[in-house]
PDB file of N, CA and C in Angstrom:
ATOM      1  N   MET A   1      37.904  16.119 160.115  1.00  0.00           N
ATOM      2  CA  MET A   1      38.350  15.400 158.663  1.00  0.00           C
ATOM      3  C   MET A   1      40.193  15.327 158.506  1.00  0.00           C
ATOM      4  N   SER A   2      40.727  14.584 157.720  1.00  0.00           N
ATOM      5  CA  SER A   2      41.462  13.568 157.598  1.00  0.00           C
ATOM      6  C   SER A   2      42.453  14.081 156.972  1.00  0.00           C
ATOM      7  N   ASN A   3      42.033  14.689 155.677  1.00  0.00           N
ATOM      8  CA  ASN A   3      42.968  15.102 154.336  1.00  0.00           C
ATOM      9  C   ASN A   3      43.480  13.846 153.719  1.00  0.00           C
ATOM     10  N   ARG A   4      42.808  12.627 154.246  1.00  0.00           N
ATOM     11  CA  ARG A   4      43.999  11.201 154.682  1.00  0.00           C
ATOM     12  C   ARG A   4      42.813  10.440 153.484  1.00  0.00           C
ATOM     13  N   PRO A   5      43.142   9.864 152.057  1.00  0.00           N
ATOM     14  CA  PRO A   5      41.834   8.829 152.112  1.00  0.00           C
ATOM     15  C   PRO A   5      41.718   7.355 152.924  1.00  0.00           C
ATOM     16  N   CYS A   6      40.917   7.137 152.554  1.00  0.00           N
ATOM     17  CA  CYS A   6      41.110   5.153 153.394  1.00  0.00           C
ATOM     18  C   CYS A   6      41.613   4.718 151.972  1.00  0.00           C
ATOM     19  N   SER A   7      42.565   3.467 152.519  1.00  0.00           N
ATOM     20  CA  SER A   7      43.501   2.576 152.554  1.00  0.00           C
ATOM     21  C   SER A   7      42.775   1.240 151.286  1.00  0.00           C
ATOM     22  N   ARG A   8      41.323   1.568 151.109  1.00  0.00           N
ATOM     23  CA  ARG A   8      41.053  -0.046 150.220  1.00  0.00           C
ATOM     24  C   ARG A   8      40.107   1.191 149.288  1.00  0.00           C
ATOM     25  N   VAL A   9      40.445   0.103 148.600  1.00  0.00           N
ATOM     26  CA  VAL A   9      40.710   0.356 146.880  1.00  0.00           C
ATOM     27  C   VAL A   9      39.436   1.086 146.677  1.00  0.00           C
ATOM     28  N   GLY A  10      39.032   1.978 146.116  1.00  0.00           N
ATOM     29  CA  GLY A  10      37.826   2.517 145.661  1.00  0.00           C
ATOM     30  C   GLY A  10      36.977   3.032 146.509  1.00  0.00           C
ATOM     31  N   CYS A  11      37.551   3.697 147.755  1.00  0.00           N
ATOM     32  CA  CYS A  11      36.675   3.803 149.064  1.00  0.00           C
ATOM     33  C   CYS A  11      37.184   5.467 148.295  1.00  0.00           C
ATOM     34  N   PRO A  12      35.172   6.376 148.417  1.00  0.00           N
ATOM     35  CA  PRO A  12      36.343   7.088 148.472  1.00  0.00           C
ATOM     36  C   PRO A  12      36.109   7.982 150.344  1.00  0.00           C
ATOM     37  N   GLY A  13      36.090   7.228 150.951  1.00  0.00           N
ATOM     38  CA  GLY A  13      35.658   7.637 152.726  1.00  0.00           C
ATOM     39  C   GLY A  13      37.325   7.856 153.321  1.00  0.00           C
ATOM     40  N   ASP A  14      36.739   9.555 154.723  1.00  0.00           N
ATOM     41  CA  ASP A  14      37.967  10.013 155.043  1.00  0.00           C
ATOM     42  C   ASP A  14      38.916   8.948 156.298  1.00  0.00           C
ATOM     43  N   ALA A  15      40.010   8.619 155.953  1.00  0.00           N
ATOM     44  CA  ALA A  15      40.764   7.575 156.415  1.00  0.00           C
ATOM     45  C   ALA A  15      40.575   8.487 158.599  1.00  0.00           C
ATOM     46  N   VAL A  16      40.215   7.612 159.088  1.00  0.00           N
ATOM     47  CA  VAL A  16      39.403   7.975 161.103  1.00  0.00           C
ATOM     48  C   VAL A  16      40.336   7.290 162.220  1.00  0.00           C
ATOM     49  N   ALA A  17      40.888   5.884 161.396  1.00  0.00           N
ATOM     50  CA  ALA A  17      41.660   4.749 161.357  1.00  0.00           C
ATOM     51  C   ALA A  17      43.141   4.239 161.179  1.00  0.00           C
ATOM     52  N   THR A  18      43.750   3.743 161.917  1.00  0.00           N
ATOM     53  CA  THR A  18      45.656   3.348 161.396  1.00  0.00           C
ATOM     54  C   THR A  18      45.210   1.789 161.559  1.00  0.00           C
ATOM     55  N   LEU A  19      45.605   1.025 160.314  1.00  0.00           N
ATOM     56  CA  LEU A  19      45.634  -0.280 161.123  1.00  0.00           C
ATOM     57  C   LEU A  19      46.532  -1.181 161.293  1.00  0.00           C
ATOM     58  N   THR A  20      47.786  -1.699 161.646  1.00  0.00           N
ATOM     59  CA  THR A  20      49.319  -1.874 162.062  1.00  0.00           C
ATOM     60  C   THR A  20      48.678  -3.696 162.118  1.00  0.00           C
ATOM     61  N   TYR A  21      49.531  -4.158 161.016  1.00  0.00           N
ATOM     62  CA  TYR A  21      49.523  -5.843 161.315  1.00  0.00           C
ATOM     63  C   TYR A  21      50.805  -6.591 162.290  1.00  0.00           C
ATOM     64  N   VAL A  22      50.486  -6.726 162.723  1.00  0.00           N
ATOM     65  CA  VAL A  22      51.836  -7.403 164.018  1.00  0.00           C
ATOM     66  C   VAL A  22      52.329  -9.279 163.621  1.00  0.00           C
ATOM     67  N   TYR A  23      52.506  -9.119 162.740  1.00  0.00           N
ATOM     68  CA  TYR A  23      52.946 -10.608 162.285  1.00  0.00           C
ATOM     69  C   TYR A  23      53.652 -11.526 162.703  1.00  0.00           C
ATOM     70  N   ALA A  24      54.137 -11.396 163.757  1.00  0.00           N
ATOM     71  CA  ALA A  24      55.154 -12.151 164.212  1.00  0.00           C
ATOM     72  C   ALA A  24      54.310 -13.099 166.170  1.00  0.00           C
ATOM     73  N   ASP A  25      53.174 -11.450 166.382  1.00  0.00           N
ATOM     74  CA  ASP A  25      52.341 -11.834 167.468  1.00  0.00           C
ATOM     75  C   ASP A  25      50.583 -12.211 166.785  1.00  0.00           C
ATOM     76  N   SER A  26      50.865 -12.134 165.506  1.00  0.00           N
ATOM     77  CA  SER A  26      49.499 -12.932 164.430  1.00  0.00           C
ATOM     78  C   SER A  26      48.294 -12.019 165.196  1.00  0.00           C
ATOM     79  N   MET A  27      48.525 -10.718 164.870  1.00  0.00           N
ATOM     80  CA  MET A  27      47.771  -9.326 165.586  1.00  0.00           C
ATOM     81  C   MET A  27      47.659  -8.719 164.409  1.00  0.00           C
ATOM     82  N   ALA A  28      46.659  -8.129 165.328  1.00  0.00           N
ATOM     83  CA  ALA A  28      46.116  -6.454 164.137  1.00  0.00           C
ATOM     84  C   ALA A  28      45.493  -5.688 165.151  1.00  0.00           C
ATOM     85  N   VAL A  29      46.187  -4.771 164.449  1.00  0.00           N
ATOM     86  CA  VAL A  29      45.922  -3.353 165.907  1.00  0.00           C
ATOM     87  C   VAL A  29      45.612  -2.412 164.932  1.00  0.00           C
ATOM     88  N   LEU A  30      44.333  -2.139 165.881  1.00  0.00           N
ATOM     89  CA  LEU A  30      43.735  -0.745 164.881  1.00  0.00           C
ATOM     90  C   LEU A  30      43.018   0.734 165.995  1.00  0.00           C
ATOM     91  N   GLY A  31      43.780   1.601 165.562  1.00  0.00           N
ATOM     92  CA  GLY A  31      43.951   2.687 166.851  1.00  0.00           C
ATOM     93  C   GLY A  31      43.336   4.033 165.547  1.00  0.00           C
ATOM     94  N   PRO A  32      43.931   5.065 166.939  1.00  0.00           N
ATOM     95  CA  PRO A  32      42.834   6.163 166.133  1.00  0.00           C
ATOM     96  C   PRO A  32      43.770   6.915 164.659  1.00  0.00           C
ATOM     97  N   LEU A  33      43.584   7.714 164.346  1.00  0.00           N
ATOM     98  CA  LEU A  33      44.175   7.815 162.945  1.00  0.00           C
ATOM     99  C   LEU A  33      45.445   8.495 163.565  1.00  0.00           C
ATOM    100  N   SER A  34      46.579   7.510 163.327  1.00  0.00           N
ATOM    101  CA  SER A  34      47.878   8.037 163.154  1.00  0.00           C
ATOM    102  C   SER A  34      48.417   9.369 162.648  1.00  0.00           C
ATOM    103  N   GLN A  35      49.204  11.266 163.684  1.00  0.00           N
ATOM    104  CA  GLN A  35      49.525  11.388 162.965  1.00  0.00           C
ATOM    105  C   GLN A  35      50.217  12.051 161.758  1.00  0.00           C
ATOM    106  N   THR A  36      51.110  11.306 161.147  1.00  0.00           N
ATOM    107  CA  THR A  36      51.629  10.880 159.677  1.00  0.00           C
ATOM    108  C   THR A  36      50.472   9.818 159.038  1.00  0.00           C
ATOM    109  N   ALA A  37      50.840   9.395 158.134  1.00  0.00           N
ATOM    110  CA  ALA A  37      50.851   8.434 157.399  1.00  0.00           C
ATOM    111  C   ALA A  37      52.211   7.147 157.507  1.00  0.00           C
ATOM    112  N   GLU A  38      52.140   5.967 157.565  1.00  0.00           N
ATOM    113  CA  GLU A  38      53.503   5.046 157.592  1.00  0.00           C
ATOM    114  C   GLU A  38      53.266   4.538 156.301  1.00  0.00           C
ATOM    115  N   PRO A  39      54.797   4.545 155.874  1.00  0.00           N
ATOM    116  CA  PRO A  39      54.096   2.941 155.347  1.00  0.00           C
ATOM    117  C   PRO A  39      54.144   1.474 155.203  1.00  0.00           C
ATOM    118  N   HIS A  40      53.956   1.123 155.931  1.00  0.00           N
ATOM    119  CA  HIS A  40      53.528  -0.100 156.363  1.00  0.00           C
ATOM    120  C   HIS A  40      52.062  -0.638 157.832  1.00  0.00           C
ATOM    121  N   SER A  41      51.581   0.652 157.343  1.00  0.00           N
ATOM    122  CA  SER A  41      50.142   0.801 157.886  1.00  0.00           C
ATOM    123  C   SER A  41      49.005   1.297 156.801  1.00  0.00           C
ATOM    124  N   TYR A  42      48.226   0.880 156.868  1.00  0.00           N
ATOM    125  CA  TYR A  42      46.613   1.252 156.576  1.00  0.00           C
ATOM    126  C   TYR A  42      45.757   1.900 157.345  1.00  0.00           C
ATOM    127  N   ASP A  43      45.378   2.869 156.442  1.00  0.00           N
ATOM    128  CA  ASP A  43      43.858   4.308 156.586  1.00  0.00           C
ATOM    129  C   ASP A  43      43.444   3.839 156.705  1.00  0.00           C
ATOM    130  N   LEU A  44      42.352   3.980 157.780  1.00  0.00           N
ATOM    131  CA  LEU A  44      40.417   3.351 157.417  1.00  0.00           C
ATOM    132  C   LEU A  44      39.841   4.307 157.985  1.00  0.00           C
ATOM    133  N   CYS A  45      38.303   4.179 156.365  1.00  0.00           N
ATOM    134  CA  CYS A  45      37.144   5.190 157.386  1.00  0.00           C
ATOM    135  C   CYS A  45      36.801   4.645 157.650  1.00  0.00           C
ATOM    136  N   ALA A  46      35.538   5.176 159.030  1.00  0.00           N
ATOM    137  CA  ALA A  46      35.232   4.220 160.048  1.00  0.00           C
ATOM    138  C   ALA A  46      34.362   3.096 159.046  1.00  0.00           C
ATOM    139  N   ARG A  47      33.750   2.987 158.017  1.00  0.00           N
ATOM    140  CA  ARG A  47      32.762   2.139 157.576  1.00  0.00           C
ATOM    141  C   ARG A  47      33.927   0.306 157.793  1.00  0.00           C
ATOM    142  N   HIS A  48      35.044   0.824 157.104  1.00  0.00           N
ATOM    143  CA  HIS A  48      36.227  -0.250 157.112  1.00  0.00           C
ATOM    144  C   HIS A  48      36.338  -0.424 158.392  1.00  0.00           C
ATOM    145  N   ALA A  49      37.196   0.534 159.701  1.00  0.00           N
ATOM    146  CA  ALA A  49      37.725   0.304 160.783  1.00  0.00           C
ATOM    147  C   ALA A  49      36.092  -0.620 160.967  1.00  0.00           C
ATOM    148  N   GLU A  50      35.513  -0.584 161.470  1.00  0.00           N
ATOM    149  CA  GLU A  50      33.939  -1.503 161.758  1.00  0.00           C
ATOM    150  C   GLU A  50      33.717  -2.399 161.728  1.00  0.00           C
ATOM    151  N   ARG A  51      33.822  -2.753 160.382  1.00  0.00           N
ATOM    152  CA  ARG A  51      33.687  -4.150 159.385  1.00  0.00           C
ATOM    153  C   ARG A  51      35.227  -4.980 159.691  1.00  0.00           C
ATOM    154  N   LEU A  52      36.438  -4.646 160.156  1.00  0.00           N
ATOM    155  CA  LEU A  52      37.218  -4.750 159.513  1.00  0.00           C
ATOM    156  C   LEU A  52      37.627  -6.139 160.504  1.00  0.00           C
ATOM    157  N   SER A  53      37.875  -7.453 159.669  1.00  0.00           N
ATOM    158  CA  SER A  53      37.996  -8.966 160.369  1.00  0.00           C
ATOM    159  C   SER A  53      39.121  -9.223 160.025  1.00  0.00           C
ATOM    160  N   ALA A  54      39.947 -11.012 160.916  1.00  0.00           N
ATOM    161  CA  ALA A  54      41.438 -10.618 160.604  1.00  0.00           C
ATOM    162  C   ALA A  54      41.264 -12.208 160.769  1.00  0.00           C
ATOM    163  N   PRO A  55      42.404 -12.917 160.050  1.00  0.00           N
ATOM    164  CA  PRO A  55      42.664 -14.503 159.248  1.00  0.00           C
ATOM    165  C   PRO A  55      42.010 -15.077 160.711  1.00  0.00           C
ATOM    166  N   GLN A  56      41.926 -16.494 161.152  1.00  0.00           N
ATOM    167  CA  GLN A  56      41.819 -17.102 161.553  1.00  0.00           C
ATOM    168  C   GLN A  56      42.421 -17.313 162.246  1.00  0.00           C
ATOM    169  N   GLY A  57      42.924 -17.396 163.307  1.00  0.00           N
ATOM    170  CA  GLY A  57      43.857 -17.652 164.824  1.00  0.00           C
ATOM    171  C   GLY A  57      44.421 -16.455 164.546  1.00  0.00           C
ATOM    172  N   TRP A  58      43.968 -14.907 164.374  1.00  0.00           N
ATOM    173  CA  TRP A  58      45.117 -13.501 164.464  1.00  0.00           C
ATOM    174  C   TRP A  58      43.805 -13.089 165.305  1.00  0.00           C
ATOM    175  N   GLN A  59      43.760 -12.171 166.467  1.00  0.00           N
ATOM    176  CA  GLN A  59      43.369 -11.318 167.048  1.00  0.00           C
ATOM    177  C   GLN A  59      43.104 -10.003 166.423  1.00  0.00           C
ATOM    178  N   ILE A  60      42.625  -9.364 166.990  1.00  0.00           N
ATOM    179  CA  ILE A  60      42.273  -8.342 166.914  1.00  0.00           C
ATOM    180  C   ILE A  60      42.572  -6.953 168.225  1.00  0.00           C
ATOM    181  N   ILE A  61      43.648  -6.478 168.016  1.00  0.00           N
ATOM    182  CA  ILE A  61      43.115  -5.104 169.395  1.00  0.00           C
ATOM    183  C   ILE A  61      42.693  -3.446 168.573  1.00  0.00           C
ATOM    184  N   ARG A  62      41.803  -3.672 169.658  1.00  0.00           N
ATOM    185  CA  ARG A  62      40.763  -1.618 168.819  1.00  0.00           C
ATOM    186  C   ARG A  62      41.015  -1.155 170.545  1.00  0.00           C
ATOM    187  N   TYR A  63      41.717  -0.297 170.199  1.00  0.00           N
ATOM    188  CA  TYR A  63      42.212   1.072 170.607  1.00  0.00           C
ATOM    189  C   TYR A  63      41.459   2.091 170.900  1.00  0.00           C
ATOM    190  N   VAL A  64      40.160   2.273 171.441  1.00  0.00           N
ATOM    191  CA  VAL A  64      40.156   3.329 171.686  1.00  0.00           C
ATOM    192  C   VAL A  64      40.199   4.155 172.406  1.00  0.00           C
ATOM    193  N   ASP A  65      40.096   6.082 172.165  1.00  0.00           N
ATOM    194  CA  ASP A  65      40.163   7.116 172.703  1.00  0.00           C
ATOM    195  C   ASP A  65      39.454   7.367 173.473  1.00  0.00           C
ATOM    196  N   LEU A  66      39.065   7.137 174.587  1.00  0.00           N
ATOM    197  CA  LEU A  66      38.370   7.858 175.826  1.00  0.00           C
ATOM    198  C   LEU A  66      37.717   9.195 175.568  1.00  0.00           C
ATOM    199  N   ARG A  67      38.743   9.325 175.144  1.00  0.00           N
ATOM    200  CA  ARG A  67      39.146  11.603 174.684  1.00  0.00           C
ATOM    201  C   ARG A  67      37.661  11.579 174.334  1.00  0.00           C
ATOM    202  N   ASP A  68      37.614  10.534 173.657  1.00  0.00           N
ATOM    203  CA  ASP A  68      36.412  10.551 172.645  1.00  0.00           C
ATOM    204  C   ASP A  68      35.234  10.349 172.484  1.00  0.00           C
ATOM    205  N   GLN A  69      34.434   9.891 173.337  1.00  0.00           N
ATOM    206  CA  GLN A  69      33.517   9.016 174.236  1.00  0.00           C
ATOM    207  C   GLN A  69      33.237   9.888 174.639  1.00  0.00           C
ATOM    208  N   ALA A  70      31.604   9.756 175.535  1.00  0.00           N
ATOM    209  CA  ALA A  70      30.873  10.654 176.137  1.00  0.00           C
ATOM    210  C   ALA A  70      30.742  10.122 176.938  1.00  0.00           C
ATOM    211  N   VAL A  71      30.390  10.783 178.763  1.00  0.00           N
ATOM    212  CA  VAL A  71      30.379   9.911 179.922  1.00  0.00           C
ATOM    213  C   VAL A  71      29.515   9.533 180.271  1.00  0.00           C
TER     214      VAL A  71
END
């Protein structure tokens, strides 16, 4: 449990991932939850991280921590 809530308004879920936008490259980067809350990024619960979509023409980069995956 992260003790940080999902950034989506009205969502009671705990954050598990951090979303950052790179406007210059038209890119949304979703990765593991950052160690500290950052003012220019968004913490998302698992549900919102899975459903993430980006504007047309943008790309989404999803970083997966392989240590958390079963081999």
